[in-house]
Protein backbone atom coordinates (compact mmCIF):
# COMPACT_ATOMS: atom_id res chain seq x y z
CA MET A 1 8.09 15.91 -7.77
CA THR A 2 9.45 13.92 -10.73
CA LEU A 3 11.91 11.15 -9.79
CA THR A 4 15.00 11.34 -11.98
CA SER A 5 17.81 9.50 -10.18
CA THR A 6 18.97 6.32 -11.91
CA SER A 7 21.42 5.24 -9.21
CA TYR A 8 21.05 4.53 -5.51
CA THR A 9 22.79 7.58 -4.03
CA ARG A 10 21.85 10.31 -1.58
CA ARG A 11 20.09 12.04 -4.47
CA TYR A 12 17.81 9.00 -4.82
CA TYR A 13 16.89 9.25 -1.13
CA ASP A 14 16.42 13.03 -1.20
CA GLU A 15 14.15 12.87 -4.25
CA HIS A 16 11.92 10.34 -2.54
CA VAL A 17 11.76 12.44 0.62
CA ALA A 18 10.71 15.43 -1.50
CA ALA A 19 8.04 13.24 -3.12
CA GLY A 20 6.66 12.35 0.32
CA LEU A 21 8.37 9.03 1.01
CA ASP A 22 11.00 9.21 3.75
CA TYR A 23 12.54 5.78 4.31
CA ALA A 24 13.97 6.87 7.67
CA VAL A 25 10.53 7.43 9.22
CA TYR A 26 9.44 4.99 11.92
CA GLY A 27 5.99 5.18 13.43
CA ASP A 28 2.72 3.30 13.81
CA TRP A 29 2.65 2.26 10.13
CA GLN A 30 6.05 0.55 10.26
CA ARG A 31 5.46 -0.88 13.75
CA ASP A 32 2.08 -2.37 12.81
CA TYR A 33 3.49 -3.71 9.54
CA GLY A 34 6.13 -5.60 11.50
CA ARG A 35 3.55 -7.03 13.90
CA TRP A 36 1.29 -8.12 11.04
CA PHE A 37 4.06 -9.77 9.05
CA VAL A 38 5.72 -11.59 11.95
CA ASP A 39 2.44 -12.69 13.53
CA ALA A 40 0.71 -13.81 10.33
CA LEU A 41 3.66 -15.99 9.24
CA GLY A 42 4.67 -17.25 12.70
CA LEU A 43 8.12 -15.64 12.56
CA ARG A 44 8.68 -14.89 16.24
CA GLY A 45 12.08 -16.18 17.24
CA ARG A 46 13.11 -16.58 13.60
CA VAL A 47 16.03 -15.14 11.64
CA LEU A 48 14.96 -12.77 8.83
CA LEU A 49 16.60 -10.96 5.93
CA ASP A 50 15.06 -7.76 4.55
CA VAL A 51 16.23 -7.32 0.94
CA GLY A 52 16.22 -3.68 -0.18
CA CYS A 53 15.76 -2.50 3.39
CA ALA A 54 16.40 1.23 2.70
CA CYS A 55 17.09 2.76 6.14
CA GLY A 56 15.93 -0.36 7.98
CA ALA A 57 12.59 0.84 9.36
CA LEU A 58 10.77 -2.39 8.54
CA ALA A 59 13.67 -4.52 9.76
CA HIS A 60 13.46 -2.64 13.05
CA GLY A 61 9.72 -3.34 13.11
CA PHE A 62 10.30 -7.06 12.60
CA GLU A 63 12.67 -7.19 15.56
CA GLU A 64 10.22 -5.23 17.73
CA ALA A 65 7.55 -7.74 16.73
CA GLY A 66 9.63 -10.68 17.94
CA ALA A 67 11.93 -11.79 15.13
CA VAL A 68 15.02 -12.83 17.06
CA LEU A 69 17.36 -11.35 14.48
CA CYS A 70 16.80 -9.32 11.35
CA HIS A 71 19.46 -8.35 8.82
CA GLY A 72 18.86 -5.66 6.23
CA VAL A 73 20.73 -5.14 2.96
CA ASP A 74 20.47 -2.33 0.43
CA LEU A 75 22.56 -0.81 -2.36
CA CYS A 76 22.18 2.77 -1.12
CA GLU A 77 25.09 3.53 1.21
CA HIS A 78 23.49 6.79 2.36
CA MET A 79 20.31 5.05 3.52
CA ILE A 80 22.21 2.23 5.23
CA GLN A 81 24.32 4.77 7.15
CA ALA A 82 21.19 6.71 8.12
CA GLY A 83 19.68 3.50 9.47
CA ARG A 84 22.84 2.60 11.38
CA ASN A 85 22.84 6.06 12.97
CA ARG A 86 19.24 5.73 14.05
CA TRP A 87 19.28 2.07 15.16
CA PRO A 88 22.90 1.24 16.10
CA THR A 89 22.10 -2.37 17.09
CA LEU A 90 20.28 -3.17 13.84
CA ARG A 91 22.34 -5.24 11.41
CA LEU A 92 22.38 -3.22 8.19
CA ASP A 93 24.84 -3.66 5.32
CA VAL A 94 25.49 -2.35 1.83
CA CYS A 95 25.10 -5.48 -0.27
CA ASP A 96 23.63 -6.59 -3.61
CA CYS A 97 21.12 -9.44 -3.42
CA VAL A 98 22.66 -11.00 -6.52
CA ASN A 99 25.72 -11.76 -4.34
CA LEU A 100 24.94 -12.03 -0.62
CA HIS A 101 28.59 -12.67 0.17
CA LEU A 102 28.14 -11.55 3.79
CA PHE A 103 26.00 -14.57 4.64
CA ASN A 104 26.63 -18.29 4.83
CA ASP A 105 24.41 -20.89 3.20
CA ALA A 106 21.05 -21.55 4.92
CA THR A 107 21.35 -18.55 7.25
CA PHE A 108 17.74 -17.32 7.22
CA ASP A 109 14.32 -18.71 8.10
CA ALA A 110 12.54 -16.11 5.95
CA ILE A 111 13.27 -13.33 3.47
CA HIS A 112 11.21 -10.17 3.03
CA SER A 113 11.25 -7.82 0.05
CA ALA A 114 8.74 -4.99 -0.38
CA GLN A 115 8.66 -2.77 -3.48
CA VAL A 116 12.17 -3.84 -4.46
CA ALA A 117 11.93 -6.52 -7.16
CA GLU A 118 10.83 -3.98 -9.76
CA HIS A 119 14.32 -2.46 -9.42
CA TRP A 120 16.11 -5.70 -10.37
CA GLN A 121 17.68 -6.03 -13.79
CA PRO A 122 15.49 -8.65 -15.57
CA HIS A 123 18.43 -10.72 -16.80
CA LEU A 124 19.70 -11.00 -13.20
CA VAL A 125 16.42 -12.21 -11.69
CA PRO A 126 17.29 -15.94 -12.07
CA CYS A 127 20.63 -15.28 -10.34
CA ILE A 128 18.89 -13.40 -7.53
CA PHE A 129 16.42 -16.21 -6.93
CA LEU A 130 19.29 -18.70 -6.81
CA GLU A 131 21.27 -16.54 -4.38
CA LEU A 132 18.27 -16.01 -2.10
CA ARG A 133 17.70 -19.79 -2.23
CA ARG A 134 21.30 -20.36 -1.14
CA ALA A 135 20.95 -18.03 1.83
CA ILE A 136 17.68 -19.46 3.17
CA ARG A 137 17.05 -22.72 4.96
CA MET A 138 15.16 -25.55 3.26
CA GLY A 139 11.45 -24.75 3.47
CA GLY A 140 12.11 -21.10 4.29
CA LEU A 141 9.66 -18.48 3.07
CA PHE A 142 10.33 -15.62 0.65
CA PHE A 143 7.71 -12.83 0.68
CA CYS A 144 7.95 -10.49 -2.30
CA CYS A 145 5.70 -7.48 -2.87
CA MET A 146 6.33 -5.86 -6.24
CA ASP A 147 4.98 -3.62 -8.99
CA THR A 148 3.65 -5.69 -11.90
CA VAL A 149 2.04 -5.28 -15.30
CA GLU A 150 -1.32 -6.14 -13.72
CA LEU A 151 -0.88 -3.50 -11.01
CA PHE A 152 -0.03 -0.83 -13.58
CA GLN A 153 -3.13 -1.72 -15.58
CA ARG A 154 -5.42 -1.63 -12.52
CA GLN A 155 -4.04 1.69 -11.35
CA GLY A 156 -3.73 3.33 -14.77
CA ARG A 157 -0.03 3.95 -14.29
CA ASP A 158 2.34 4.97 -17.08
CA MET A 159 5.96 3.78 -17.14
CA LEU A 160 7.03 7.13 -18.57
CA ARG A 161 6.00 8.78 -15.29
CA GLU A 162 7.51 6.17 -13.01
CA ASP A 163 10.70 6.00 -11.00
CA PRO A 164 13.34 5.38 -13.71
CA THR A 165 14.92 2.65 -11.57
CA HIS A 166 11.77 0.53 -11.99
CA VAL A 167 13.22 -1.53 -14.83
CA CYS A 168 11.54 -4.88 -14.10
CA ILE A 169 7.79 -4.47 -14.48
CA ARG A 170 6.59 -7.96 -15.41
CA PRO A 171 3.39 -10.05 -15.07
CA LEU A 172 2.89 -12.13 -11.94
CA ALA A 173 3.07 -15.29 -14.05
CA TRP A 174 6.58 -14.29 -15.16
CA TRP A 175 7.66 -13.95 -11.54
CA ASP A 176 6.22 -17.37 -10.69
CA GLU A 177 8.08 -18.91 -13.64
CA GLN A 178 11.37 -17.33 -12.57
CA ALA A 179 10.92 -18.47 -8.97
CA GLU A 180 9.89 -22.03 -9.80
CA ALA A 181 12.78 -22.45 -12.23
CA ASN A 182 15.27 -21.48 -9.52
CA GLY A 183 14.43 -23.40 -6.38
CA TRP A 184 11.11 -22.00 -5.15
CA GLN A 185 7.48 -23.11 -5.01
CA ARG A 186 4.49 -20.82 -4.51
CA ASP A 187 2.89 -21.06 -1.05
CA VAL A 188 -0.77 -20.09 -1.31
CA ASP A 189 -1.39 -20.90 2.37
CA ALA A 190 1.16 -18.29 3.47
CA GLN A 191 -0.40 -15.78 1.07
CA SER A 192 -3.81 -16.47 2.60
CA ALA A 193 -2.42 -16.08 6.11
CA LEU A 194 -1.10 -12.63 5.22
CA ARG A 195 -4.29 -11.60 3.44
CA GLU A 196 -6.72 -12.87 6.09
CA HIS A 197 -4.90 -11.65 9.19
CA PRO A 198 -7.00 -9.13 11.20
CA ARG A 199 -4.32 -6.44 10.75
CA SER A 200 -3.55 -7.33 7.14
CA TYR A 201 -1.84 -4.72 4.99
CA ILE A 202 -2.79 -6.71 1.89
CA GLY A 203 -6.44 -5.80 2.26
CA ARG A 204 -5.61 -2.21 3.09
CA TYR A 205 -3.59 -1.51 -0.07
CA ASP A 206 -3.69 -2.51 -3.72
CA TRP A 207 -0.51 -4.59 -3.73
CA ASP A 208 0.66 -7.50 -5.86
CA TYR A 209 2.68 -10.03 -3.91
CA ARG A 210 3.83 -13.62 -3.73
CA CYS A 211 5.03 -16.07 -1.08
CA TRP A 212 7.41 -18.79 -2.24
CA ARG A 213 8.96 -21.67 -0.27
CA ALA A 214 12.51 -22.89 -0.78
CA THR A 215 12.46 -26.40 -2.23
């Protein structure tokens, strides 16, 4: 099915379900992802934020894996409500990561974002990095898995056939420049820990990703 929605409404969710991606599904894949991520980065007992959490399946997985508290934010009200209905104790909110007004400074130990950054408006990326930096504690880790120019080239993908909300396809070097100009430093040790973990999802899939530390 061709994805046509350009806004984050129920139609956006329904189109993805029809295309085979249901963000409300929770099973072994989501559970094992949570265990891998929390274990590889030593996040048991830590406070996490999942940016672009959809229905909250991964946030639920992080809490099951031992994160003491996990908040999820997303722009799609329909998906947030679906997640609240399924996991009533999970902390899910409709919120834009360019203005995390729900959270105080230095609230989180780590921030997770998977297949979300490609949706950000390019001119807002510096503001988003600054806002994420405000919300995380000094030395906190930001994991970001995103579609990039390099990934498109490796996979032979064509922007004309992509989700029209993917408006920020940029090279990895561009992402590093944006991060480093706005309070972050690349953490290659954390990236290695994720890649080399026995249950690593990095080795299982062709993903581009970065880990940055708040400086």
